[in-house]
Amino acid sequence: MMIFRALSRFAALGLFSAGLLGPQAGPGAAADCASMGRQIAAENGGKLIQAAESNQGGRPVCVVMILLPAKDGQPPRRDRQVIPLD
């Protein structure tokens, strides 16, 4: 039983490193996500807080968090947007 566990962990590690198991996004997707986030923040007059690539429903998306300036005496607010990457 111990040998099977060790072999299955080794196989899973190999699949992850080969990109066959888990997210398919590479370093370029994170850079694209950040640039998309900066563009959206600039269009809305806000500041990019966070941009991260994720999967939702099996599809790659970019999740962007923007800090929008205060209006009418209200505090600044956060805006979360999900943008499809395909």
C-alpha atoms as a PDB file:
ATOM      1  CA  MET A   1       0.000   0.000   0.000  1.00  0.00           C
ATOM      2  CA  MET A   2       2.833   2.407   0.810  1.00  0.00           C
ATOM      3  CA  ILE A   3       4.486   1.706  -2.534  1.00  0.00           C
ATOM      4  CA  PHE A   4       1.233   2.471  -4.391  1.00  0.00           C
ATOM      5  CA  ARG A   5       0.886   5.816  -2.580  1.00  0.00           C
ATOM      6  CA  ALA A   6       4.462   6.768  -3.360  1.00  0.00           C
ATOM      7  CA  LEU A   7       4.061   5.837  -7.033  1.00  0.00           C
ATOM      8  CA  SER A   8       0.743   7.692  -7.366  1.00  0.00           C
ATOM      9  CA  ARG A   9       2.257  10.838  -5.831  1.00  0.00           C
ATOM     10  CA  PHE A  10       5.207  10.592  -8.177  1.00  0.00           C
ATOM     11  CA  ALA A  11       2.871  10.138 -11.168  1.00  0.00           C
ATOM     12  CA  ALA A  12       0.727  13.106 -10.120  1.00  0.00           C
ATOM     13  CA  LEU A  13       3.821  15.273  -9.737  1.00  0.00           C
ATOM     14  CA  GLY A  14       4.908  14.280 -13.237  1.00  0.00           C
ATOM     15  CA  LEU A  15       1.501  15.142 -14.691  1.00  0.00           C
ATOM     16  CA  PHE A  16       1.492  18.535 -12.963  1.00  0.00           C
ATOM     17  CA  SER A  17       4.957  19.371 -14.232  1.00  0.00           C
ATOM     18  CA  ALA A  18       4.009  18.259 -17.752  1.00  0.00           C
ATOM     19  CA  GLY A  19       0.948  20.520 -17.635  1.00  0.00           C
ATOM     20  CA  LEU A  20      -1.484  17.663 -18.184  1.00  0.00           C
ATOM     21  CA  LEU A  21      -3.161  18.014 -14.814  1.00  0.00           C
ATOM     22  CA  GLY A  22      -4.261  21.314 -13.328  1.00  0.00           C
ATOM     23  CA  PRO A  23      -4.507  24.811 -14.828  1.00  0.00           C
ATOM     24  CA  GLN A  24      -3.180  25.247 -18.339  1.00  0.00           C
ATOM     25  CA  ALA A  25      -2.158  28.879 -17.927  1.00  0.00           C
ATOM     26  CA  GLY A  26       1.463  29.807 -18.191  1.00  0.00           C
ATOM     27  CA  PRO A  27       3.364  32.902 -17.085  1.00  0.00           C
ATOM     28  CA  GLY A  28       2.022  34.782 -20.119  1.00  0.00           C
ATOM     29  CA  ALA A  29      -1.569  34.462 -18.890  1.00  0.00           C
ATOM     30  CA  ALA A  30      -0.726  36.209 -15.615  1.00  0.00           C
ATOM     31  CA  ALA A  31       0.971  39.045 -17.495  1.00  0.00           C
ATOM     32  CA  ASP A  32      -2.031  39.375 -19.828  1.00  0.00           C
ATOM     33  CA  CYS A  33      -4.338  39.380 -16.837  1.00  0.00           C
ATOM     34  CA  ALA A  34      -2.363  42.172 -15.152  1.00  0.00           C
ATOM     35  CA  SER A  35      -2.308  44.293 -18.314  1.00  0.00           C
ATOM     36  CA  MET A  36      -6.060  43.781 -18.775  1.00  0.00           C
ATOM     37  CA  GLY A  37      -6.566  44.811 -15.154  1.00  0.00           C
ATOM     38  CA  ARG A  38      -4.496  47.980 -15.590  1.00  0.00           C
ATOM     39  CA  GLN A  39      -6.486  48.882 -18.715  1.00  0.00           C
ATOM     40  CA  ILE A  40      -9.839  48.379 -16.972  1.00  0.00           C
ATOM     41  CA  ALA A  41      -8.656  50.382 -13.956  1.00  0.00           C
ATOM     42  CA  ALA A  42      -7.534  53.254 -16.203  1.00  0.00           C
ATOM     43  CA  GLU A  43     -10.856  53.254 -18.074  1.00  0.00           C
ATOM     44  CA  ASN A  44     -12.769  53.499 -14.780  1.00  0.00           C
ATOM     45  CA  GLY A  45     -10.427  56.012 -13.128  1.00  0.00           C
ATOM     46  CA  GLY A  46      -9.394  53.499 -10.471  1.00  0.00           C
ATOM     47  CA  LYS A  47      -6.310  51.673  -9.275  1.00  0.00           C
ATOM     48  CA  LEU A  48      -5.537  48.002  -9.885  1.00  0.00           C
ATOM     49  CA  ILE A  49      -5.368  46.074  -6.611  1.00  0.00           C
ATOM     50  CA  GLN A  50      -5.182  42.494  -7.843  1.00  0.00           C
ATOM     51  CA  ALA A  51      -5.292  40.513 -11.073  1.00  0.00           C
ATOM     52  CA  ALA A  52      -5.234  36.714 -11.066  1.00  0.00           C
ATOM     53  CA  GLU A  53      -5.902  33.982 -13.612  1.00  0.00           C
ATOM     54  CA  SER A  54      -8.439  31.375 -12.521  1.00  0.00           C
ATOM     55  CA  ASN A  55     -10.839  28.718 -13.800  1.00  0.00           C
ATOM     56  CA  GLN A  56     -14.595  29.071 -13.527  1.00  0.00           C
ATOM     57  CA  GLY A  57     -16.760  26.345 -14.959  1.00  0.00           C
ATOM     58  CA  GLY A  58     -13.760  24.824 -16.708  1.00  0.00           C
ATOM     59  CA  ARG A  59     -13.002  28.029 -18.614  1.00  0.00           C
ATOM     60  CA  PRO A  60      -9.988  30.282 -18.017  1.00  0.00           C
ATOM     61  CA  VAL A  61     -10.869  33.715 -16.651  1.00  0.00           C
ATOM     62  CA  CYS A  62      -9.070  36.732 -15.271  1.00  0.00           C
ATOM     63  CA  VAL A  63     -10.319  37.994 -11.903  1.00  0.00           C
ATOM     64  CA  VAL A  64      -9.556  41.705 -11.474  1.00  0.00           C
ATOM     65  CA  MET A  65      -9.993  43.781  -8.307  1.00  0.00           C
ATOM     66  CA  ILE A  66     -10.014  47.579  -8.761  1.00  0.00           C
ATOM     67  CA  LEU A  67     -10.128  50.333  -6.142  1.00  0.00           C
ATOM     68  CA  LEU A  68     -12.458  53.079  -7.376  1.00  0.00           C
ATOM     69  CA  PRO A  69     -12.202  56.618  -5.984  1.00  0.00           C
ATOM     70  CA  ALA A  70     -14.651  57.983  -3.434  1.00  0.00           C
ATOM     71  CA  LYS A  71     -17.811  59.795  -4.572  1.00  0.00           C
ATOM     72  CA  ASP A  72     -20.260  62.059  -2.744  1.00  0.00           C
ATOM     73  CA  GLY A  73     -18.577  61.663   0.648  1.00  0.00           C
ATOM     74  CA  GLN A  74     -18.577  57.861   0.418  1.00  0.00           C
ATOM     75  CA  PRO A  75     -15.380  55.853   0.996  1.00  0.00           C
ATOM     76  CA  PRO A  76     -13.499  54.340  -1.961  1.00  0.00           C
ATOM     77  CA  ARG A  77     -15.015  51.084  -3.125  1.00  0.00           C
ATOM     78  CA  ARG A  78     -13.709  47.870  -4.589  1.00  0.00           C
ATOM     79  CA  ASP A  79     -14.959  46.528  -7.895  1.00  0.00           C
ATOM     80  CA  ARG A  80     -14.400  42.865  -8.793  1.00  0.00           C
ATOM     81  CA  GLN A  81     -14.656  41.916 -12.454  1.00  0.00           C
ATOM     82  CA  VAL A  82     -14.335  38.507 -14.098  1.00  0.00           C
ATOM     83  CA  ILE A  83     -13.100  38.583 -17.705  1.00  0.00           C
ATOM     84  CA  PRO A  84     -13.051  35.472 -19.937  1.00  0.00           C
ATOM     85  CA  LEU A  85      -9.618  34.717 -21.412  1.00  0.00           C
ATOM     86  CA  ASP A  86     -10.815  32.919 -24.524  1.00  0.00           C
END
